[in-house]
PDB file of N, CA and C in Angstrom:
ATOM      1  N   MET A   1      -9.847 195.887 141.207  1.00  0.00           N
ATOM      2  CA  MET A   1      -8.289 195.836 140.195  1.00  0.00           C
ATOM      3  C   MET A   1      -7.775 197.100 141.073  1.00  0.00           C
ATOM      4  N   ALA A   2      -9.043 197.864 141.462  1.00  0.00           N
ATOM      5  CA  ALA A   2      -8.030 199.081 142.285  1.00  0.00           C
ATOM      6  C   ALA A   2      -7.205 198.668 143.201  1.00  0.00           C
ATOM      7  N   ARG A   3      -7.792 197.245 144.305  1.00  0.00           N
ATOM      8  CA  ARG A   3      -7.437 197.026 145.356  1.00  0.00           C
ATOM      9  C   ARG A   3      -6.124 196.834 144.975  1.00  0.00           C
ATOM     10  N   LYS A   4      -5.828 195.660 143.816  1.00  0.00           N
ATOM     11  CA  LYS A   4      -4.798 195.226 143.851  1.00  0.00           C
ATOM     12  C   LYS A   4      -3.803 196.128 143.344  1.00  0.00           C
ATOM     13  N   ILE A   5      -3.584 196.782 142.415  1.00  0.00           N
ATOM     14  CA  ILE A   5      -2.941 198.404 141.659  1.00  0.00           C
ATOM     15  C   ILE A   5      -2.419 199.165 143.344  1.00  0.00           C
ATOM     16  N   ALA A   6      -3.551 199.034 144.322  1.00  0.00           N
ATOM     17  CA  ALA A   6      -3.298 200.067 145.304  1.00  0.00           C
ATOM     18  C   ALA A   6      -1.972 198.908 146.134  1.00  0.00           C
ATOM     19  N   ILE A   7      -2.287 197.325 146.595  1.00  0.00           N
ATOM     20  CA  ILE A   7      -1.840 196.774 146.972  1.00  0.00           C
ATOM     21  C   ILE A   7       0.180 196.859 146.197  1.00  0.00           C
ATOM     22  N   THR A   8      -0.435 196.989 144.633  1.00  0.00           N
ATOM     23  CA  THR A   8       1.001 196.379 144.233  1.00  0.00           C
ATOM     24  C   THR A   8       1.683 198.232 144.196  1.00  0.00           C
ATOM     25  N   ILE A   9       1.041 198.804 144.704  1.00  0.00           N
ATOM     26  CA  ILE A   9       2.418 200.181 144.581  1.00  0.00           C
ATOM     27  C   ILE A   9       2.865 200.302 145.805  1.00  0.00           C
ATOM     28  N   ILE A  10       1.654 200.184 147.152  1.00  0.00           N
ATOM     29  CA  ILE A  10       2.300 200.599 148.596  1.00  0.00           C
ATOM     30  C   ILE A  10       3.191 199.849 148.312  1.00  0.00           C
ATOM     31  N   GLY A  11       2.964 197.946 148.071  1.00  0.00           N
ATOM     32  CA  GLY A  11       4.097 197.405 149.033  1.00  0.00           C
ATOM     33  C   GLY A  11       4.971 197.203 148.349  1.00  0.00           C
ATOM     34  N   SER A  12       5.137 197.466 147.279  1.00  0.00           N
ATOM     35  CA  SER A  12       6.362 197.792 146.015  1.00  0.00           C
ATOM     36  C   SER A  12       7.224 198.858 146.778  1.00  0.00           C
ATOM     37  N   ILE A  13       6.408 200.063 147.584  1.00  0.00           N
ATOM     38  CA  ILE A  13       7.119 201.149 147.594  1.00  0.00           C
ATOM     39  C   ILE A  13       7.980 200.925 148.657  1.00  0.00           C
ATOM     40  N   LEU A  14       7.441 200.021 149.862  1.00  0.00           N
ATOM     41  CA  LEU A  14       8.058 199.861 151.267  1.00  0.00           C
ATOM     42  C   LEU A  14       8.962 199.195 150.580  1.00  0.00           C
ATOM     43  N   THR A  15       8.727 198.138 150.116  1.00  0.00           N
ATOM     44  CA  THR A  15       9.988 196.513 149.575  1.00  0.00           C
ATOM     45  C   THR A  15      11.022 197.752 149.575  1.00  0.00           C
ATOM     46  N   LEU A  16      10.968 198.500 148.020  1.00  0.00           N
ATOM     47  CA  LEU A  16      11.981 199.053 147.287  1.00  0.00           C
ATOM     48  C   LEU A  16      12.338 199.668 148.630  1.00  0.00           C
ATOM     49  N   LEU A  17      12.406 200.551 149.275  1.00  0.00           N
ATOM     50  CA  LEU A  17      12.881 200.929 150.569  1.00  0.00           C
ATOM     51  C   LEU A  17      13.480 200.269 151.368  1.00  0.00           C
ATOM     52  N   GLY A  18      12.925 199.421 152.080  1.00  0.00           N
ATOM     53  CA  GLY A  18      13.686 198.529 152.609  1.00  0.00           C
ATOM     54  C   GLY A  18      14.920 197.977 151.767  1.00  0.00           C
ATOM     55  N   ILE A  19      14.615 197.778 150.488  1.00  0.00           N
ATOM     56  CA  ILE A  19      15.986 197.255 149.660  1.00  0.00           C
ATOM     57  C   ILE A  19      17.005 198.066 149.998  1.00  0.00           C
ATOM     58  N   ILE A  20      16.577 199.681 149.515  1.00  0.00           N
ATOM     59  CA  ILE A  20      17.724 200.539 149.458  1.00  0.00           C
ATOM     60  C   ILE A  20      17.836 201.348 150.763  1.00  0.00           C
ATOM     61  N   LEU A  21      17.537 200.793 152.104  1.00  0.00           N
ATOM     62  CA  LEU A  21      17.851 201.070 153.406  1.00  0.00           C
ATOM     63  C   LEU A  21      18.439 199.706 154.296  1.00  0.00           C
ATOM     64  N   ILE A  22      19.131 198.859 152.983  1.00  0.00           N
ATOM     65  CA  ILE A  22      19.936 197.523 153.518  1.00  0.00           C
ATOM     66  C   ILE A  22      21.394 198.459 153.656  1.00  0.00           C
ATOM     67  N   VAL A  23      21.504 199.193 152.525  1.00  0.00           N
ATOM     68  CA  VAL A  23      22.553 199.642 151.931  1.00  0.00           C
ATOM     69  C   VAL A  23      22.955 201.398 153.187  1.00  0.00           C
ATOM     70  N   LEU A  24      21.826 201.991 153.052  1.00  0.00           N
ATOM     71  CA  LEU A  24      21.886 203.071 153.465  1.00  0.00           C
ATOM     72  C   LEU A  24      21.081 203.456 155.510  1.00  0.00           C
ATOM     73  N   PRO A  25      22.034 204.024 156.045  1.00  0.00           N
ATOM     74  CA  PRO A  25      21.381 203.938 157.271  1.00  0.00           C
ATOM     75  C   PRO A  25      19.782 204.063 157.622  1.00  0.00           C
ATOM     76  N   GLY A  26      19.024 203.066 158.244  1.00  0.00           N
ATOM     77  CA  GLY A  26      17.971 203.166 157.993  1.00  0.00           C
ATOM     78  C   GLY A  26      17.009 201.866 158.646  1.00  0.00           C
ATOM     79  N   PRO A  27      15.226 202.276 158.885  1.00  0.00           N
ATOM     80  CA  PRO A  27      15.028 200.451 159.175  1.00  0.00           C
ATOM     81  C   PRO A  27      14.462 199.585 158.279  1.00  0.00           C
ATOM     82  N   ALA A  28      16.284 198.824 157.127  1.00  0.00           N
ATOM     83  CA  ALA A  28      15.328 198.018 156.836  1.00  0.00           C
ATOM     84  C   ALA A  28      14.502 196.830 156.596  1.00  0.00           C
ATOM     85  N   TRP A  29      15.394 196.536 158.407  1.00  0.00           N
ATOM     86  CA  TRP A  29      14.795 195.300 158.824  1.00  0.00           C
ATOM     87  C   TRP A  29      13.314 195.509 159.157  1.00  0.00           C
ATOM     88  N   LEU A  30      12.693 196.900 159.305  1.00  0.00           N
ATOM     89  CA  LEU A  30      11.303 196.838 159.707  1.00  0.00           C
ATOM     90  C   LEU A  30      10.197 197.238 157.591  1.00  0.00           C
ATOM     91  N   LEU A  31      11.261 197.792 157.341  1.00  0.00           N
ATOM     92  CA  LEU A  31      10.316 198.047 156.091  1.00  0.00           C
ATOM     93  C   LEU A  31      10.075 196.721 155.070  1.00  0.00           C
ATOM     94  N   LEU A  32      11.565 196.052 154.833  1.00  0.00           N
ATOM     95  CA  LEU A  32      10.973 195.661 153.845  1.00  0.00           C
ATOM     96  C   LEU A  32      10.174 194.152 154.260  1.00  0.00           C
ATOM     97  N   PRO A  33      10.274 193.562 155.409  1.00  0.00           N
ATOM     98  CA  PRO A  33       9.006 192.877 155.561  1.00  0.00           C
ATOM     99  C   PRO A  33       7.122 193.322 155.832  1.00  0.00           C
ATOM    100  N   ILE A  34       7.443 194.296 155.957  1.00  0.00           N
ATOM    101  CA  ILE A  34       5.962 194.928 155.870  1.00  0.00           C
ATOM    102  C   ILE A  34       5.852 194.837 154.236  1.00  0.00           C
ATOM    103  N   GLY A  35       6.584 195.202 153.632  1.00  0.00           N
ATOM    104  CA  GLY A  35       6.316 195.276 151.968  1.00  0.00           C
ATOM    105  C   GLY A  35       5.797 194.291 151.532  1.00  0.00           C
ATOM    106  N   LEU A  36       6.764 193.318 151.224  1.00  0.00           N
ATOM    107  CA  LEU A  36       6.611 191.659 150.900  1.00  0.00           C
ATOM    108  C   LEU A  36       4.958 191.238 151.627  1.00  0.00           C
ATOM    109  N   ALA A  37       4.560 191.592 153.152  1.00  0.00           N
ATOM    110  CA  ALA A  37       3.464 191.065 153.645  1.00  0.00           C
ATOM    111  C   ALA A  37       2.509 191.370 152.450  1.00  0.00           C
ATOM    112  N   ILE A  38       2.339 192.869 152.167  1.00  0.00           N
ATOM    113  CA  ILE A  38       1.119 193.490 151.881  1.00  0.00           C
ATOM    114  C   ILE A  38       1.644 192.677 150.242  1.00  0.00           C
ATOM    115  N   LEU A  39       2.386 193.077 149.533  1.00  0.00           N
ATOM    116  CA  LEU A  39       2.757 192.422 148.555  1.00  0.00           C
ATOM    117  C   LEU A  39       2.066 190.810 148.038  1.00  0.00           C
ATOM    118  N   SER A  40       2.559 190.013 149.813  1.00  0.00           N
ATOM    119  CA  SER A  40       1.961 189.004 149.820  1.00  0.00           C
ATOM    120  C   SER A  40       0.574 188.534 149.900  1.00  0.00           C
ATOM    121  N   LEU A  41      -0.213 189.682 149.710  1.00  0.00           N
ATOM    122  CA  LEU A  41      -1.563 189.660 149.595  1.00  0.00           C
ATOM    123  C   LEU A  41      -2.433 189.021 148.134  1.00  0.00           C
ATOM    124  N   GLU A  42      -1.430 189.280 147.343  1.00  0.00           N
ATOM    125  CA  GLU A  42      -1.765 189.325 146.067  1.00  0.00           C
ATOM    126  C   GLU A  42      -0.991 188.655 145.176  1.00  0.00           C
ATOM    127  N   TYR A  43       0.067 188.152 145.949  1.00  0.00           N
ATOM    128  CA  TYR A  43       1.641 187.607 145.032  1.00  0.00           C
ATOM    129  C   TYR A  43       2.163 186.496 145.321  1.00  0.00           C
ATOM    130  N   ASP A  44       2.010 185.544 145.049  1.00  0.00           N
ATOM    131  CA  ASP A  44       2.717 184.751 145.664  1.00  0.00           C
ATOM    132  C   ASP A  44       4.291 184.047 145.435  1.00  0.00           C
ATOM    133  N   TRP A  45       4.908 185.140 144.674  1.00  0.00           N
ATOM    134  CA  TRP A  45       6.220 185.185 144.667  1.00  0.00           C
ATOM    135  C   TRP A  45       6.539 186.467 146.124  1.00  0.00           C
ATOM    136  N   ALA A  46       5.505 187.190 146.478  1.00  0.00           N
ATOM    137  CA  ALA A  46       5.999 187.728 147.618  1.00  0.00           C
ATOM    138  C   ALA A  46       5.949 186.941 148.862  1.00  0.00           C
ATOM    139  N   ARG A  47       4.832 186.181 148.523  1.00  0.00           N
ATOM    140  CA  ARG A  47       4.595 185.287 149.983  1.00  0.00           C
ATOM    141  C   ARG A  47       6.071 184.374 150.319  1.00  0.00           C
ATOM    142  N   LYS A  48       6.468 183.891 149.380  1.00  0.00           N
ATOM    143  CA  LYS A  48       7.734 182.751 149.217  1.00  0.00           C
ATOM    144  C   LYS A  48       9.066 183.463 150.084  1.00  0.00           C
ATOM    145  N   TRP A  49       8.597 184.837 149.542  1.00  0.00           N
ATOM    146  CA  TRP A  49      10.056 185.897 149.744  1.00  0.00           C
ATOM    147  C   TRP A  49       9.826 185.875 150.911  1.00  0.00           C
ATOM    148  N   LEU A  50       8.669 186.257 151.673  1.00  0.00           N
ATOM    149  CA  LEU A  50       8.226 186.998 152.876  1.00  0.00           C
ATOM    150  C   LEU A  50       8.861 185.740 153.884  1.00  0.00           C
ATOM    151  N   LYS A  51       8.297 184.871 153.555  1.00  0.00           N
ATOM    152  CA  LYS A  51       8.716 183.225 154.341  1.00  0.00           C
ATOM    153  C   LYS A  51      10.102 183.257 154.225  1.00  0.00           C
ATOM    154  N   LYS A  52      10.608 183.621 153.311  1.00  0.00           N
ATOM    155  CA  LYS A  52      12.277 183.245 153.389  1.00  0.00           C
ATOM    156  C   LYS A  52      12.612 184.000 154.452  1.00  0.00           C
ATOM    157  N   SER A  53      12.945 185.804 154.303  1.00  0.00           N
ATOM    158  CA  SER A  53      13.102 186.582 155.275  1.00  0.00           C
ATOM    159  C   SER A  53      12.144 186.478 156.533  1.00  0.00           C
ATOM    160  N   GLN A  54      11.664 185.511 156.989  1.00  0.00           N
ATOM    161  CA  GLN A  54      11.202 185.689 158.182  1.00  0.00           C
ATOM    162  C   GLN A  54      12.056 184.621 158.732  1.00  0.00           C
ATOM    163  N   ALA A  55      12.255 183.437 158.026  1.00  0.00           N
ATOM    164  CA  ALA A  55      12.987 182.464 158.046  1.00  0.00           C
ATOM    165  C   ALA A  55      14.821 182.801 158.611  1.00  0.00           C
ATOM    166  N   TYR A  56      15.104 183.730 157.852  1.00  0.00           N
ATOM    167  CA  TYR A  56      16.362 183.877 158.187  1.00  0.00           C
ATOM    168  C   TYR A  56      16.535 184.990 159.615  1.00  0.00           C
ATOM    169  N   MET A  57      15.794 186.478 159.645  1.00  0.00           N
ATOM    170  CA  MET A  57      15.293 187.256 160.362  1.00  0.00           C
ATOM    171  C   MET A  57      15.550 186.521 162.096  1.00  0.00           C
ATOM    172  N   THR A  58      14.631 185.345 161.701  1.00  0.00           N
ATOM    173  CA  THR A  58      15.032 184.213 163.147  1.00  0.00           C
ATOM    174  C   THR A  58      15.735 183.709 163.213  1.00  0.00           C
ATOM    175  N   ARG A  59      16.273 182.603 161.946  1.00  0.00           N
ATOM    176  CA  ARG A  59      18.464 182.570 162.240  1.00  0.00           C
ATOM    177  C   ARG A  59      19.142 183.206 163.039  1.00  0.00           C
ATOM    178  N   SER A  60      18.806 184.637 162.553  1.00  0.00           N
ATOM    179  CA  SER A  60      20.062 186.285 162.696  1.00  0.00           C
ATOM    180  C   SER A  60      19.511 186.162 164.250  1.00  0.00           C
ATOM    181  N   ALA A  61      18.274 185.991 164.801  1.00  0.00           N
ATOM    182  CA  ALA A  61      18.400 186.803 165.879  1.00  0.00           C
ATOM    183  C   ALA A  61      18.542 185.563 166.993  1.00  0.00           C
ATOM    184  N   TYR A  62      18.390 184.113 166.890  1.00  0.00           N
ATOM    185  CA  TYR A  62      18.831 183.379 167.913  1.00  0.00           C
ATOM    186  C   TYR A  62      20.620 183.442 167.080  1.00  0.00           C
ATOM    187  N   TRP A  63      21.008 183.852 166.261  1.00  0.00           N
ATOM    188  CA  TRP A  63      22.877 183.603 166.292  1.00  0.00           C
ATOM    189  C   TRP A  63      22.929 184.435 166.835  1.00  0.00           C
ATOM    190  N   LEU A  64      22.339 186.260 167.204  1.00  0.00           N
ATOM    191  CA  LEU A  64      22.785 186.859 168.130  1.00  0.00           C
ATOM    192  C   LEU A  64      22.670 187.043 168.879  1.00  0.00           C
ATOM    193  N   ASP A  65      21.524 186.474 169.833  1.00  0.00           N
ATOM    194  CA  ASP A  65      21.519 185.921 171.230  1.00  0.00           C
ATOM    195  C   ASP A  65      22.258 184.691 171.452  1.00  0.00           C
ATOM    196  N   LYS A  66      22.872 183.995 171.077  1.00  0.00           N
ATOM    197  CA  LYS A  66      23.419 183.050 171.112  1.00  0.00           C
ATOM    198  C   LYS A  66      24.980 183.341 171.398  1.00  0.00           C
ATOM    199  N   LYS A  67      25.542 184.201 170.639  1.00  0.00           N
ATOM    200  CA  LYS A  67      26.538 185.354 170.668  1.00  0.00           C
ATOM    201  C   LYS A  67      26.585 186.232 171.881  1.00  0.00           C
ATOM    202  N   ILE A  68      25.531 187.044 172.300  1.00  0.00           N
ATOM    203  CA  ILE A  68      25.558 187.869 173.170  1.00  0.00           C
ATOM    204  C   ILE A  68      25.451 187.312 174.662  1.00  0.00           C
ATOM    205  N   ARG A  69      24.919 185.659 174.583  1.00  0.00           N
ATOM    206  CA  ARG A  69      25.244 184.959 175.736  1.00  0.00           C
ATOM    207  C   ARG A  69      26.284 184.602 176.256  1.00  0.00           C
ATOM    208  N   GLN A  70      26.956 184.035 175.015  1.00  0.00           N
ATOM    209  CA  GLN A  70      28.436 183.959 175.531  1.00  0.00           C
ATOM    210  C   GLN A  70      29.633 184.674 175.479  1.00  0.00           C
ATOM    211  N   PHE A  71      29.408 186.094 175.134  1.00  0.00           N
ATOM    212  CA  PHE A  71      29.611 187.941 175.567  1.00  0.00           C
ATOM    213  C   PHE A  71      29.203 187.869 177.141  1.00  0.00           C
ATOM    214  N   ARG A  72      28.535 186.855 177.523  1.00  0.00           N
ATOM    215  CA  ARG A  72      28.093 187.799 178.864  1.00  0.00           C
ATOM    216  C   ARG A  72      28.102 187.039 179.975  1.00  0.00           C
ATOM    217  N   TYR A  73      28.108 185.476 179.119  1.00  0.00           N
ATOM    218  CA  TYR A  73      28.209 184.767 180.685  1.00  0.00           C
ATOM    219  C   TYR A  73      29.635 183.909 180.397  1.00  0.00           C
ATOM    220  N   GLY A  74      30.542 184.332 179.333  1.00  0.00           N
ATOM    221  CA  GLY A  74      31.721 183.589 178.921  1.00  0.00           C
ATOM    222  C   GLY A  74      31.178 181.499 179.049  1.00  0.00           C
ATOM    223  N   HIS A  75      30.643 181.411 178.047  1.00  0.00           N
ATOM    224  CA  HIS A  75      30.288 179.667 177.678  1.00  0.00           C
ATOM    225  C   HIS A  75      30.228 179.658 176.769  1.00  0.00           C
TER     226      HIS A  75
END
């Protein structure tokens, strides 16, 4: 029971900080997935959101890479 409470508190704090840092300057892209990964140890809903956020980050990285290549090489 103490493990679940610790995971909930730590994961919630990191996830909330990540959400706040989406609006404020800071490493939201780092804290949000870490918080969700910690919460996913105990909660299925967090595992679902972690997979969604990973898919979104992958798509965003491919999009940005494509834009950089277009800018750099003019394709």
